[in-house]
Amino acid sequence: MVGDLPRRLVAEAIGTMLLVLFGAGSVVSALVMQNGRLDYAALGIISFSFAVVVALVIYAFGSTSGAHINPAVTIALAAGRRFPWSEVPFYIVAQLVGAFAGGLLIVGGFGRRAVDNGVGLTALGPGVNYGQGILMEALGTFLLLLTIMALAVDRRAPSGWAGWMIGLAVACEIFVLGPLTGGSVNPARTFGPYLTTSLFGGDAPWRLFGVYIVGPIVGAVLAVVVYDLVARPMRELPVTAEQGTAGEIIGARGQDAREQELPEAAQGAAGDIPSARHPHDDRIRDRVGHIGRRRWRPGHGG
């Protein structure tokens, strides 16, 4: 992360707004196109829309704010000592504001039809109880954070894959969780449509909001702990390695150390810039080359 805090908060708000607009917005589109029904084929299109917008937001704002766009991600990275706790409240507020803005834009585009369809809100499916909802949301967020840890946080991550693979992880969990919980794995993604629906007189199931807070946070923190203990133990990480070969996408750990390194890197990442060549150097080289090419002839010296 390279931005100062205000700029990073703006990036988080914009990123979460885009997530809700083009993620939850795709739910509204599918419901409008299918007269309020949602089959599994439509769920696949919704999953793909979420995957694309998540990937694009990561590539756009990952180097600025980390592109958390999810309070569960922010809390989990802080719990894993990869993000300062002092900035967690600011990030969460920015994400919630962005999610609400995304919900407003959905209503602005679809009008009353968006409110009638819950602005793409998430709810428990038929036969799914509160405990099952928490369990499934925790498992979905576990998959998401495991992907983030492997491809965005790990310093040995392959270059360029973080955005797309994290987006596909979101799509993957929606394929499974969609019929059960809506596949939120993000308290902000649920909060935005809930608040927007309530503001415009719709019926938002706030009693279920705890599912989308407890489940994602528990699953996210557990994934960070498991990754550190099992997949990539901290003691095996090279101290001098950069965080991910694609750059610091999520949760930079050593910002102070990074700032200390800036003066040394001021002359370019490739090292010192070679000094400029003077015309006098070319003349000297030409004279040497001319002397070297001169042939010896009898009577003309040795």
C-alpha atoms as a PDB file:
ATOM      1  CA  MET A   1       0.000   0.000   0.000  1.00  0.00           C
ATOM      2  CA  VAL A   2       1.402   3.363  -0.978  1.00  0.00           C
ATOM      3  CA  GLY A   3      -1.348   5.904  -0.372  1.00  0.00           C
ATOM      4  CA  ASP A   4      -1.834   8.095   2.676  1.00  0.00           C
ATOM      5  CA  LEU A   5      -4.824   7.218   4.851  1.00  0.00           C
ATOM      6  CA  PRO A   6      -7.420   9.604   3.321  1.00  0.00           C
ATOM      7  CA  ARG A   7      -6.574   8.453  -0.191  1.00  0.00           C
ATOM      8  CA  ARG A   8      -6.720   4.808   0.870  1.00  0.00           C
ATOM      9  CA  LEU A   9     -10.130   5.331   2.454  1.00  0.00           C
ATOM     10  CA  VAL A  10     -11.451   6.869  -0.758  1.00  0.00           C
ATOM     11  CA  ALA A  11     -10.116   3.869  -2.679  1.00  0.00           C
ATOM     12  CA  GLU A  12     -11.847   1.468  -0.258  1.00  0.00           C
ATOM     13  CA  ALA A  13     -15.135   3.354  -0.552  1.00  0.00           C
ATOM     14  CA  ILE A  14     -15.012   3.391  -4.360  1.00  0.00           C
ATOM     15  CA  GLY A  15     -14.002  -0.268  -4.524  1.00  0.00           C
ATOM     16  CA  THR A  16     -16.814  -1.405  -2.232  1.00  0.00           C
ATOM     17  CA  MET A  17     -19.288   0.783  -4.108  1.00  0.00           C
ATOM     18  CA  LEU A  18     -18.319  -0.942  -7.368  1.00  0.00           C
ATOM     19  CA  LEU A  19     -18.581  -4.356  -5.709  1.00  0.00           C
ATOM     20  CA  VAL A  20     -22.173  -3.700  -4.610  1.00  0.00           C
ATOM     21  CA  LEU A  21     -23.182  -1.923  -7.810  1.00  0.00           C
ATOM     22  CA  PHE A  22     -21.985  -4.617 -10.202  1.00  0.00           C
ATOM     23  CA  GLY A  23     -22.267  -7.569  -7.820  1.00  0.00           C
ATOM     24  CA  ALA A  24     -25.563  -7.053  -6.010  1.00  0.00           C
ATOM     25  CA  GLY A  25     -26.722  -5.123  -9.078  1.00  0.00           C
ATOM     26  CA  SER A  26     -26.376  -8.280 -11.165  1.00  0.00           C
ATOM     27  CA  VAL A  27     -28.798  -9.980  -8.755  1.00  0.00           C
ATOM     28  CA  VAL A  28     -31.361  -7.244  -9.394  1.00  0.00           C
ATOM     29  CA  SER A  29     -30.807  -7.559 -13.154  1.00  0.00           C
ATOM     30  CA  ALA A  30     -31.378 -11.309 -13.054  1.00  0.00           C
ATOM     31  CA  LEU A  31     -34.547 -10.953 -10.970  1.00  0.00           C
ATOM     32  CA  VAL A  32     -35.914  -8.259 -13.289  1.00  0.00           C
ATOM     33  CA  MET A  33     -35.166 -10.350 -16.390  1.00  0.00           C
ATOM     34  CA  GLN A  34     -36.749 -13.475 -14.888  1.00  0.00           C
ATOM     35  CA  ASN A  35     -39.773 -11.829 -13.265  1.00  0.00           C
ATOM     36  CA  GLY A  36     -38.583 -12.305  -9.707  1.00  0.00           C
ATOM     37  CA  ARG A  37     -37.277 -15.857 -10.141  1.00  0.00           C
ATOM     38  CA  LEU A  38     -33.637 -16.876  -9.845  1.00  0.00           C
ATOM     39  CA  ASP A  39     -32.480 -20.203 -11.283  1.00  0.00           C
ATOM     40  CA  TYR A  40     -29.032 -21.766 -11.077  1.00  0.00           C
ATOM     41  CA  ALA A  41     -28.025 -20.530 -14.534  1.00  0.00           C
ATOM     42  CA  ALA A  42     -28.676 -16.962 -13.409  1.00  0.00           C
ATOM     43  CA  LEU A  43     -26.648 -17.670 -10.280  1.00  0.00           C
ATOM     44  CA  GLY A  44     -23.723 -18.540 -12.540  1.00  0.00           C
ATOM     45  CA  ILE A  45     -23.974 -15.173 -14.313  1.00  0.00           C
ATOM     46  CA  ILE A  46     -24.170 -13.403 -10.948  1.00  0.00           C
ATOM     47  CA  SER A  47     -21.082 -15.288  -9.754  1.00  0.00           C
ATOM     48  CA  PHE A  48     -19.180 -14.267 -12.871  1.00  0.00           C
ATOM     49  CA  SER A  49     -20.146 -10.619 -12.393  1.00  0.00           C
ATOM     50  CA  PHE A  50     -18.857 -10.704  -8.806  1.00  0.00           C
ATOM     51  CA  ALA A  51     -15.625 -12.349  -9.960  1.00  0.00           C
ATOM     52  CA  VAL A  52     -14.932  -9.727 -12.608  1.00  0.00           C
ATOM     53  CA  VAL A  53     -15.663  -6.693 -10.447  1.00  0.00           C
ATOM     54  CA  VAL A  54     -13.583  -8.056  -7.544  1.00  0.00           C
ATOM     55  CA  ALA A  55     -10.643  -8.709  -9.871  1.00  0.00           C
ATOM     56  CA  LEU A  56     -10.832  -5.278 -11.472  1.00  0.00           C
ATOM     57  CA  VAL A  57     -11.070  -3.484  -8.128  1.00  0.00           C
ATOM     58  CA  ILE A  58      -7.997  -5.368  -6.871  1.00  0.00           C
ATOM     59  CA  TYR A  59      -5.993  -4.444  -9.956  1.00  0.00           C
ATOM     60  CA  ALA A  60      -7.196  -0.828  -9.778  1.00  0.00           C
ATOM     61  CA  PHE A  61      -6.789  -0.115  -6.059  1.00  0.00           C
ATOM     62  CA  GLY A  62      -4.722  -2.978  -4.665  1.00  0.00           C
ATOM     63  CA  SER A  63      -1.496  -1.001  -4.695  1.00  0.00           C
ATOM     64  CA  THR A  64      -3.216   2.023  -3.110  1.00  0.00           C
ATOM     65  CA  SER A  65      -5.323   0.677  -0.242  1.00  0.00           C
ATOM     66  CA  GLY A  66      -4.906  -3.089  -0.472  1.00  0.00           C
ATOM     67  CA  ALA A  67      -8.426  -3.363  -1.970  1.00  0.00           C
ATOM     68  CA  HIS A  68      -9.863  -5.091   1.084  1.00  0.00           C
ATOM     69  CA  ILE A  69     -13.442  -3.941   0.191  1.00  0.00           C
ATOM     70  CA  ASN A  70     -14.603  -6.248   2.985  1.00  0.00           C
ATOM     71  CA  PRO A  71     -14.561  -5.649   6.768  1.00  0.00           C
ATOM     72  CA  ALA A  72     -13.846  -9.340   7.374  1.00  0.00           C
ATOM     73  CA  VAL A  73     -10.682  -9.106   5.274  1.00  0.00           C
ATOM     74  CA  THR A  74      -9.526  -6.006   7.123  1.00  0.00           C
ATOM     75  CA  ILE A  75     -10.119  -7.555  10.556  1.00  0.00           C
ATOM     76  CA  ALA A  76      -8.460 -10.851   9.586  1.00  0.00           C
ATOM     77  CA  LEU A  77      -5.340  -9.137   8.224  1.00  0.00           C
ATOM     78  CA  ALA A  78      -5.107  -7.055  11.383  1.00  0.00           C
ATOM     79  CA  ALA A  79      -5.458 -10.213  13.487  1.00  0.00           C
ATOM     80  CA  GLY A  80      -2.607 -11.716  11.465  1.00  0.00           C
ATOM     81  CA  ARG A  81      -0.440  -8.639  12.126  1.00  0.00           C
ATOM     82  CA  ARG A  82      -0.486  -7.603   8.487  1.00  0.00           C
ATOM     83  CA  PHE A  83      -2.570  -4.462   8.956  1.00  0.00           C
ATOM     84  CA  PRO A  84      -2.570  -1.875  11.769  1.00  0.00           C
ATOM     85  CA  TRP A  85      -5.472  -2.140  14.200  1.00  0.00           C
ATOM     86  CA  SER A  86      -5.524   1.642  14.488  1.00  0.00           C
ATOM     87  CA  GLU A  87      -6.752   1.904  10.887  1.00  0.00           C
ATOM     88  CA  VAL A  88      -9.344  -0.883  11.044  1.00  0.00           C
ATOM     89  CA  PRO A  89     -12.296   1.342  12.139  1.00  0.00           C
ATOM     90  CA  PHE A  90     -11.577   3.848   9.370  1.00  0.00           C
ATOM     91  CA  TYR A  91     -11.429   1.124   6.727  1.00  0.00           C
ATOM     92  CA  ILE A  92     -14.690  -0.448   7.913  1.00  0.00           C
ATOM     93  CA  VAL A  93     -16.530   2.886   7.877  1.00  0.00           C
ATOM     94  CA  ALA A  94     -15.245   3.604   4.353  1.00  0.00           C
ATOM     95  CA  GLN A  95     -16.373   0.154   3.193  1.00  0.00           C
ATOM     96  CA  LEU A  96     -19.848   0.556   4.691  1.00  0.00           C
ATOM     97  CA  VAL A  97     -20.246   4.016   3.158  1.00  0.00           C
ATOM     98  CA  GLY A  98     -19.152   2.668  -0.221  1.00  0.00           C
ATOM     99  CA  ALA A  99     -21.575  -0.261   0.031  1.00  0.00           C
ATOM    100  CA  PHE A 100     -24.449   2.095   0.805  1.00  0.00           C
ATOM    101  CA  ALA A 101     -23.473   4.304  -2.135  1.00  0.00           C
ATOM    102  CA  GLY A 102     -23.512   1.230  -4.378  1.00  0.00           C
ATOM    103  CA  GLY A 103     -27.015   0.374  -3.175  1.00  0.00           C
ATOM    104  CA  LEU A 104     -28.182   3.914  -3.910  1.00  0.00           C
ATOM    105  CA  LEU A 105     -26.796   3.699  -7.438  1.00  0.00           C
ATOM    106  CA  ILE A 106     -28.675   0.434  -8.014  1.00  0.00           C
ATOM    107  CA  VAL A 107     -31.917   2.133  -6.979  1.00  0.00           C
ATOM    108  CA  GLY A 108     -30.990   5.100  -9.136  1.00  0.00           C
ATOM    109  CA  GLY A 109     -30.690   2.824 -12.157  1.00  0.00           C
ATOM    110  CA  PHE A 110     -33.540   0.354 -11.607  1.00  0.00           C
ATOM    111  CA  GLY A 111     -35.919   2.565  -9.649  1.00  0.00           C
ATOM    112  CA  ARG A 112     -38.670   0.912  -7.657  1.00  0.00           C
ATOM    113  CA  ARG A 113     -37.910  -2.446  -9.259  1.00  0.00           C
ATOM    114  CA  ALA A 114     -34.624  -2.551  -7.335  1.00  0.00           C
ATOM    115  CA  VAL A 115     -36.399  -1.986  -4.014  1.00  0.00           C
ATOM    116  CA  ASP A 116     -39.055  -4.576  -4.825  1.00  0.00           C
ATOM    117  CA  ASN A 117     -36.248  -7.086  -5.436  1.00  0.00           C
ATOM    118  CA  GLY A 118     -34.370  -6.171  -2.258  1.00  0.00           C
ATOM    119  CA  VAL A 119     -31.536  -4.293  -4.034  1.00  0.00           C
ATOM    120  CA  GLY A 120     -29.800  -7.657  -4.423  1.00  0.00           C
ATOM    121  CA  LEU A 121     -29.782  -8.372  -0.675  1.00  0.00           C
ATOM    122  CA  THR A 122     -28.712 -11.678   0.861  1.00  0.00           C
ATOM    123  CA  ALA A 123     -30.960 -13.867   3.012  1.00  0.00           C
ATOM    124  CA  LEU A 124     -31.124 -17.453   4.222  1.00  0.00           C
ATOM    125  CA  GLY A 125     -32.625 -19.944   1.822  1.00  0.00           C
ATOM    126  CA  PRO A 126     -35.559 -22.239   2.595  1.00  0.00           C
ATOM    127  CA  GLY A 127     -34.728 -24.729   5.356  1.00  0.00           C
ATOM    128  CA  VAL A 128     -31.474 -22.984   6.341  1.00  0.00           C
ATOM    129  CA  ASN A 129     -31.321 -22.021  10.020  1.00  0.00           C
ATOM    130  CA  TYR A 130     -29.237 -19.335  11.703  1.00  0.00           C
ATOM    131  CA  GLY A 131     -26.437 -21.674  12.739  1.00  0.00           C
ATOM    132  CA  GLN A 132     -26.162 -23.226   9.288  1.00  0.00           C
ATOM    133  CA  GLY A 133     -26.007 -19.762   7.793  1.00  0.00           C
ATOM    134  CA  ILE A 134     -23.095 -18.789  10.029  1.00  0.00           C
ATOM    135  CA  LEU A 135     -21.298 -22.044   9.219  1.00  0.00           C
ATOM    136  CA  MET A 136     -21.631 -21.669   5.460  1.00  0.00           C
ATOM    137  CA  GLU A 137     -20.649 -18.003   5.484  1.00  0.00           C
ATOM    138  CA  ALA A 138     -17.607 -18.893   7.581  1.00  0.00           C
ATOM    139  CA  LEU A 139     -16.591 -21.623   5.125  1.00  0.00           C
ATOM    140  CA  GLY A 140     -17.027 -19.344   2.122  1.00  0.00           C
ATOM    141  CA  THR A 141     -14.946 -16.603   3.717  1.00  0.00           C
ATOM    142  CA  PHE A 142     -12.328 -19.166   4.718  1.00  0.00           C
ATOM    143  CA  LEU A 143     -11.883 -19.994   1.022  1.00  0.00           C
ATOM    144  CA  LEU A 144     -11.700 -16.317   0.124  1.00  0.00           C
ATOM    145  CA  LEU A 145      -9.042 -15.465   2.729  1.00  0.00           C
ATOM    146  CA  LEU A 146      -7.029 -18.586   1.955  1.00  0.00           C
ATOM    147  CA  THR A 147      -6.828 -17.360  -1.639  1.00  0.00           C
ATOM    148  CA  ILE A 148      -5.890 -13.851  -0.529  1.00  0.00           C
ATOM    149  CA  MET A 149      -3.161 -15.169   1.745  1.00  0.00           C
ATOM    150  CA  ALA A 150      -1.735 -17.451  -0.942  1.00  0.00           C
ATOM    151  CA  LEU A 151      -1.805 -15.059  -3.894  1.00  0.00           C
ATOM    152  CA  ALA A 152      -1.738 -11.532  -2.492  1.00  0.00           C
ATOM    153  CA  VAL A 153      -0.059 -11.653   0.914  1.00  0.00           C
ATOM    154  CA  ASP A 154       2.507 -14.430   0.550  1.00  0.00           C
ATOM    155  CA  ARG A 155       5.809 -12.942  -0.584  1.00  0.00           C
ATOM    156  CA  ARG A 156       6.420 -15.844  -2.947  1.00  0.00           C
ATOM    157  CA  ALA A 157       3.096 -15.514  -4.744  1.00  0.00           C
ATOM    158  CA  PRO A 158       3.173 -15.839  -8.546  1.00  0.00           C
ATOM    159  CA  SER A 159       3.016 -12.527 -10.332  1.00  0.00           C
ATOM    160  CA  GLY A 160      -0.204 -11.157 -11.808  1.00  0.00           C
ATOM    161  CA  TRP A 161      -2.662 -13.798 -10.637  1.00  0.00           C
ATOM    162  CA  ALA A 162      -3.996 -12.299  -7.417  1.00  0.00           C
ATOM    163  CA  GLY A 163      -6.934 -10.324  -8.790  1.00  0.00           C
ATOM    164  CA  TRP A 164      -8.355 -12.996 -11.036  1.00  0.00           C
ATOM    165  CA  MET A 165      -7.924 -15.870  -8.613  1.00  0.00           C
ATOM    166  CA  ILE A 166      -9.462 -13.928  -5.719  1.00  0.00           C
ATOM    167  CA  GLY A 167     -12.366 -13.019  -7.985  1.00  0.00           C
ATOM    168  CA  LEU A 168     -12.792 -16.661  -8.989  1.00  0.00           C
ATOM    169  CA  ALA A 169     -12.723 -17.676  -5.317  1.00  0.00           C
ATOM    170  CA  VAL A 170     -15.690 -15.345  -4.764  1.00  0.00           C
ATOM    171  CA  ALA A 171     -17.470 -16.921  -7.730  1.00  0.00           C
ATOM    172  CA  CYS A 172     -16.700 -20.407  -6.424  1.00  0.00           C
ATOM    173  CA  GLU A 173     -18.219 -19.755  -3.010  1.00  0.00           C
ATOM    174  CA  ILE A 174     -21.328 -18.183  -4.579  1.00  0.00           C
ATOM    175  CA  PHE A 175     -21.843 -21.340  -6.671  1.00  0.00           C
ATOM    176  CA  VAL A 176     -22.217 -23.305  -3.420  1.00  0.00           C
ATOM    177  CA  LEU A 177     -23.488 -20.754  -0.902  1.00  0.00           C
ATOM    178  CA  GLY A 178     -25.816 -18.866  -3.225  1.00  0.00           C
ATOM    179  CA  PRO A 179     -28.899 -21.068  -2.647  1.00  0.00           C
ATOM    180  CA  LEU A 180     -28.188 -21.239   1.102  1.00  0.00           C
ATOM    181  CA  THR A 181     -27.131 -17.760   2.238  1.00  0.00           C
ATOM    182  CA  GLY A 182     -26.705 -15.727  -0.925  1.00  0.00           C
ATOM    183  CA  GLY A 183     -22.922 -16.165  -0.676  1.00  0.00           C
ATOM    184  CA  SER A 184     -22.169 -12.783   0.854  1.00  0.00           C
ATOM    185  CA  VAL A 185     -18.882 -13.513   2.744  1.00  0.00           C
ATOM    186  CA  ASN A 186     -18.755  -9.750   3.245  1.00  0.00           C
ATOM    187  CA  PRO A 187     -20.613  -7.740   5.914  1.00  0.00           C
ATOM    188  CA  ALA A 188     -20.433  -4.583   3.779  1.00  0.00           C
ATOM    189  CA  ARG A 189     -21.936  -6.351   0.742  1.00  0.00           C
ATOM    190  CA  THR A 190     -24.937  -7.294   2.899  1.00  0.00           C
ATOM    191  CA  PHE A 191     -25.136  -3.977   4.763  1.00  0.00           C
ATOM    192  CA  GLY A 192     -25.426  -1.778   1.647  1.00  0.00           C
ATOM    193  CA  PRO A 193     -28.509  -3.450   0.136  1.00  0.00           C
ATOM    194  CA  TYR A 194     -30.120  -3.853   3.586  1.00  0.00           C
ATOM    195  CA  LEU A 195     -29.818  -0.149   4.402  1.00  0.00           C
ATOM    196  CA  THR A 196     -30.872   0.970   0.929  1.00  0.00           C
ATOM    197  CA  THR A 197     -33.914  -1.319   0.956  1.00  0.00           C
ATOM    198  CA  SER A 198     -34.981  -0.030   4.371  1.00  0.00           C
ATOM    199  CA  LEU A 199     -34.442   3.604   3.346  1.00  0.00           C
ATOM    200  CA  PHE A 200     -36.805   3.256   0.386  1.00  0.00           C
ATOM    201  CA  GLY A 201     -39.508   1.417   2.291  1.00  0.00           C
ATOM    202  CA  GLY A 202     -38.610  -2.164   1.427  1.00  0.00           C
ATOM    203  CA  ASP A 203     -38.400  -5.136   3.773  1.00  0.00           C
ATOM    204  CA  ALA A 204     -34.815  -5.885   4.807  1.00  0.00           C
ATOM    205  CA  PRO A 205     -34.259  -8.919   7.098  1.00  0.00           C
ATOM    206  CA  TRP A 206     -32.041  -7.176   9.645  1.00  0.00           C
ATOM    207  CA  ARG A 207     -32.560 -10.074  12.070  1.00  0.00           C
ATOM    208  CA  LEU A 208     -30.257 -12.098   9.808  1.00  0.00           C
ATOM    209  CA  PHE A 209     -27.496  -9.513   9.702  1.00  0.00           C
ATOM    210  CA  GLY A 210     -25.611 -11.310  12.476  1.00  0.00           C
ATOM    211  CA  VAL A 211     -25.105 -14.274  10.143  1.00  0.00           C
ATOM    212  CA  TYR A 212     -23.231 -12.025   7.733  1.00  0.00           C
ATOM    213  CA  ILE A 213     -21.086 -10.510  10.489  1.00  0.00           C
ATOM    214  CA  VAL A 214     -20.142 -13.492  12.640  1.00  0.00           C
ATOM    215  CA  GLY A 215     -19.696 -16.022   9.833  1.00  0.00           C
ATOM    216  CA  PRO A 216     -17.354 -13.987   7.599  1.00  0.00           C
ATOM    217  CA  ILE A 217     -15.214 -12.668  10.458  1.00  0.00           C
ATOM    218  CA  VAL A 218     -14.762 -16.106  12.045  1.00  0.00           C
ATOM    219  CA  GLY A 219     -13.969 -17.744   8.708  1.00  0.00           C
ATOM    220  CA  ALA A 220     -11.561 -14.989   7.678  1.00  0.00           C
ATOM    221  CA  VAL A 221      -9.550 -15.000  10.916  1.00  0.00           C
ATOM    222  CA  LEU A 222      -9.419 -18.795  10.922  1.00  0.00           C
ATOM    223  CA  ALA A 223      -8.062 -18.826   7.362  1.00  0.00           C
ATOM    224  CA  VAL A 224      -5.237 -16.439   8.267  1.00  0.00           C
ATOM    225  CA  VAL A 225      -4.289 -18.528  11.304  1.00  0.00           C
ATOM    226  CA  VAL A 226      -4.383 -21.794   9.343  1.00  0.00           C
ATOM    227  CA  TYR A 227      -2.333 -20.371   6.489  1.00  0.00           C
ATOM    228  CA  ASP A 228       0.358 -19.070   8.814  1.00  0.00           C
ATOM    229  CA  LEU A 229       0.554 -22.302  10.782  1.00  0.00           C
ATOM    230  CA  VAL A 230       0.218 -24.850   7.993  1.00  0.00           C
ATOM    231  CA  ALA A 231       0.704 -23.562   4.467  1.00  0.00           C
ATOM    232  CA  ARG A 232       3.367 -20.871   4.817  1.00  0.00           C
ATOM    233  CA  PRO A 233       4.859 -20.669   8.312  1.00  0.00           C
ATOM    234  CA  MET A 234       6.203 -17.232   9.163  1.00  0.00           C
ATOM    235  CA  ARG A 235       9.688 -18.552   9.923  1.00  0.00           C
ATOM    236  CA  GLU A 236      10.084 -19.794   6.346  1.00  0.00           C
ATOM    237  CA  LEU A 237       9.482 -16.410   4.721  1.00  0.00           C
ATOM    238  CA  PRO A 238      12.634 -14.733   3.391  1.00  0.00           C
ATOM    239  CA  VAL A 239      13.145 -11.507   5.293  1.00  0.00           C
ATOM    240  CA  THR A 240      14.205  -9.566   2.210  1.00  0.00           C
ATOM    241  CA  ALA A 241      11.509 -10.882  -0.123  1.00  0.00           C
ATOM    242  CA  GLU A 242       8.891  -8.501  -1.450  1.00  0.00           C
ATOM    243  CA  GLN A 243       5.270  -9.123  -0.518  1.00  0.00           C
ATOM    244  CA  GLY A 244       3.980 -10.969  -3.544  1.00  0.00           C
ATOM    245  CA  THR A 245       5.720 -10.766  -6.886  1.00  0.00           C
ATOM    246  CA  ALA A 246       2.807  -8.752  -8.225  1.00  0.00           C
ATOM    247  CA  GLY A 247       3.318  -6.050  -5.576  1.00  0.00           C
ATOM    248  CA  GLU A 248       1.697  -5.334  -2.243  1.00  0.00           C
ATOM    249  CA  ILE A 249      -1.928  -6.156  -3.038  1.00  0.00           C
ATOM    250  CA  ILE A 250      -3.359  -6.665   0.430  1.00  0.00           C
ATOM    251  CA  GLY A 251      -2.111  -6.020   3.930  1.00  0.00           C
ATOM    252  CA  ALA A 252       1.402  -4.613   3.736  1.00  0.00           C
ATOM    253  CA  ARG A 253       3.312  -5.465   6.902  1.00  0.00           C
ATOM    254  CA  GLY A 254       6.415  -3.327   6.907  1.00  0.00           C
ATOM    255  CA  GLN A 255       5.356   0.155   5.878  1.00  0.00           C
ATOM    256  CA  ASP A 256       7.946   1.826   8.106  1.00  0.00           C
ATOM    257  CA  ALA A 257      10.692  -0.351   6.698  1.00  0.00           C
ATOM    258  CA  ARG A 258       9.447   0.406   3.212  1.00  0.00           C
ATOM    259  CA  GLU A 259       9.690   4.130   3.879  1.00  0.00           C
ATOM    260  CA  GLN A 260      13.274   3.693   5.041  1.00  0.00           C
ATOM    261  CA  GLU A 261      14.113   1.926   1.792  1.00  0.00           C
ATOM    262  CA  LEU A 262      12.747   4.709  -0.409  1.00  0.00           C
ATOM    263  CA  PRO A 263      15.932   6.870  -0.434  1.00  0.00           C
ATOM    264  CA  GLU A 264      17.968   3.871  -1.566  1.00  0.00           C
ATOM    265  CA  ALA A 265      15.507   3.114  -4.357  1.00  0.00           C
ATOM    266  CA  ALA A 266      15.279   6.724  -5.532  1.00  0.00           C
ATOM    267  CA  GLN A 267      17.544   6.062  -8.516  1.00  0.00           C
ATOM    268  CA  GLY A 268      15.271   3.384  -9.956  1.00  0.00           C
ATOM    269  CA  ALA A 269      14.350  -0.191  -9.214  1.00  0.00           C
ATOM    270  CA  ALA A 270      17.020  -1.492 -11.570  1.00  0.00           C
ATOM    271  CA  GLY A 271      19.821   0.144  -9.600  1.00  0.00           C
ATOM    272  CA  ASP A 272      22.009   3.213 -10.173  1.00  0.00           C
ATOM    273  CA  ILE A 273      21.533   5.013 -13.471  1.00  0.00           C
ATOM    274  CA  PRO A 274      24.776   4.902 -15.501  1.00  0.00           C
ATOM    275  CA  SER A 275      26.501   8.262 -15.814  1.00  0.00           C
ATOM    276  CA  ALA A 276      26.036  10.174 -19.040  1.00  0.00           C
ATOM    277  CA  ARG A 277      28.574   9.580 -21.810  1.00  0.00           C
ATOM    278  CA  HIS A 278      30.506  12.628 -22.952  1.00  0.00           C
ATOM    279  CA  PRO A 279      31.450  13.324 -26.605  1.00  0.00           C
ATOM    280  CA  HIS A 280      35.108  13.423 -25.526  1.00  0.00           C
ATOM    281  CA  ASP A 281      34.832   9.701 -24.676  1.00  0.00           C
ATOM    282  CA  ASP A 282      33.742   8.937 -28.242  1.00  0.00           C
ATOM    283  CA  ARG A 283      36.701  10.848 -29.684  1.00  0.00           C
ATOM    284  CA  ILE A 284      39.165   8.954 -27.508  1.00  0.00           C
ATOM    285  CA  ARG A 285      37.617   5.635 -28.505  1.00  0.00           C
ATOM    286  CA  ASP A 286      37.778   6.575 -32.221  1.00  0.00           C
ATOM    287  CA  ARG A 287      41.494   7.444 -31.923  1.00  0.00           C
ATOM    288  CA  VAL A 288      42.246   4.163 -30.215  1.00  0.00           C
ATOM    289  CA  GLY A 289      40.312   2.261 -32.839  1.00  0.00           C
ATOM    290  CA  HIS A 290      42.064   4.106 -35.668  1.00  0.00           C
ATOM    291  CA  ILE A 291      45.511   3.364 -34.229  1.00  0.00           C
ATOM    292  CA  GLY A 292      44.540  -0.269 -33.722  1.00  0.00           C
ATOM    293  CA  ARG A 293      43.513  -0.611 -37.373  1.00  0.00           C
ATOM    294  CA  ARG A 294      46.686   1.032 -38.815  1.00  0.00           C
ATOM    295  CA  ARG A 295      48.875  -1.494 -40.682  1.00  0.00           C
ATOM    296  CA  TRP A 296      52.690  -1.552 -40.346  1.00  0.00           C
ATOM    297  CA  ARG A 297      54.628  -0.959 -43.553  1.00  0.00           C
ATOM    298  CA  PRO A 298      58.407  -1.133 -44.084  1.00  0.00           C
ATOM    299  CA  GLY A 299      60.074   2.220 -43.669  1.00  0.00           C
ATOM    300  CA  HIS A 300      57.203   3.620 -41.613  1.00  0.00           C
ATOM    301  CA  GLY A 301      58.387   2.777 -38.131  1.00  0.00           C
ATOM    302  CA  GLY A 302      57.795  -0.156 -35.811  1.00  0.00           C
END
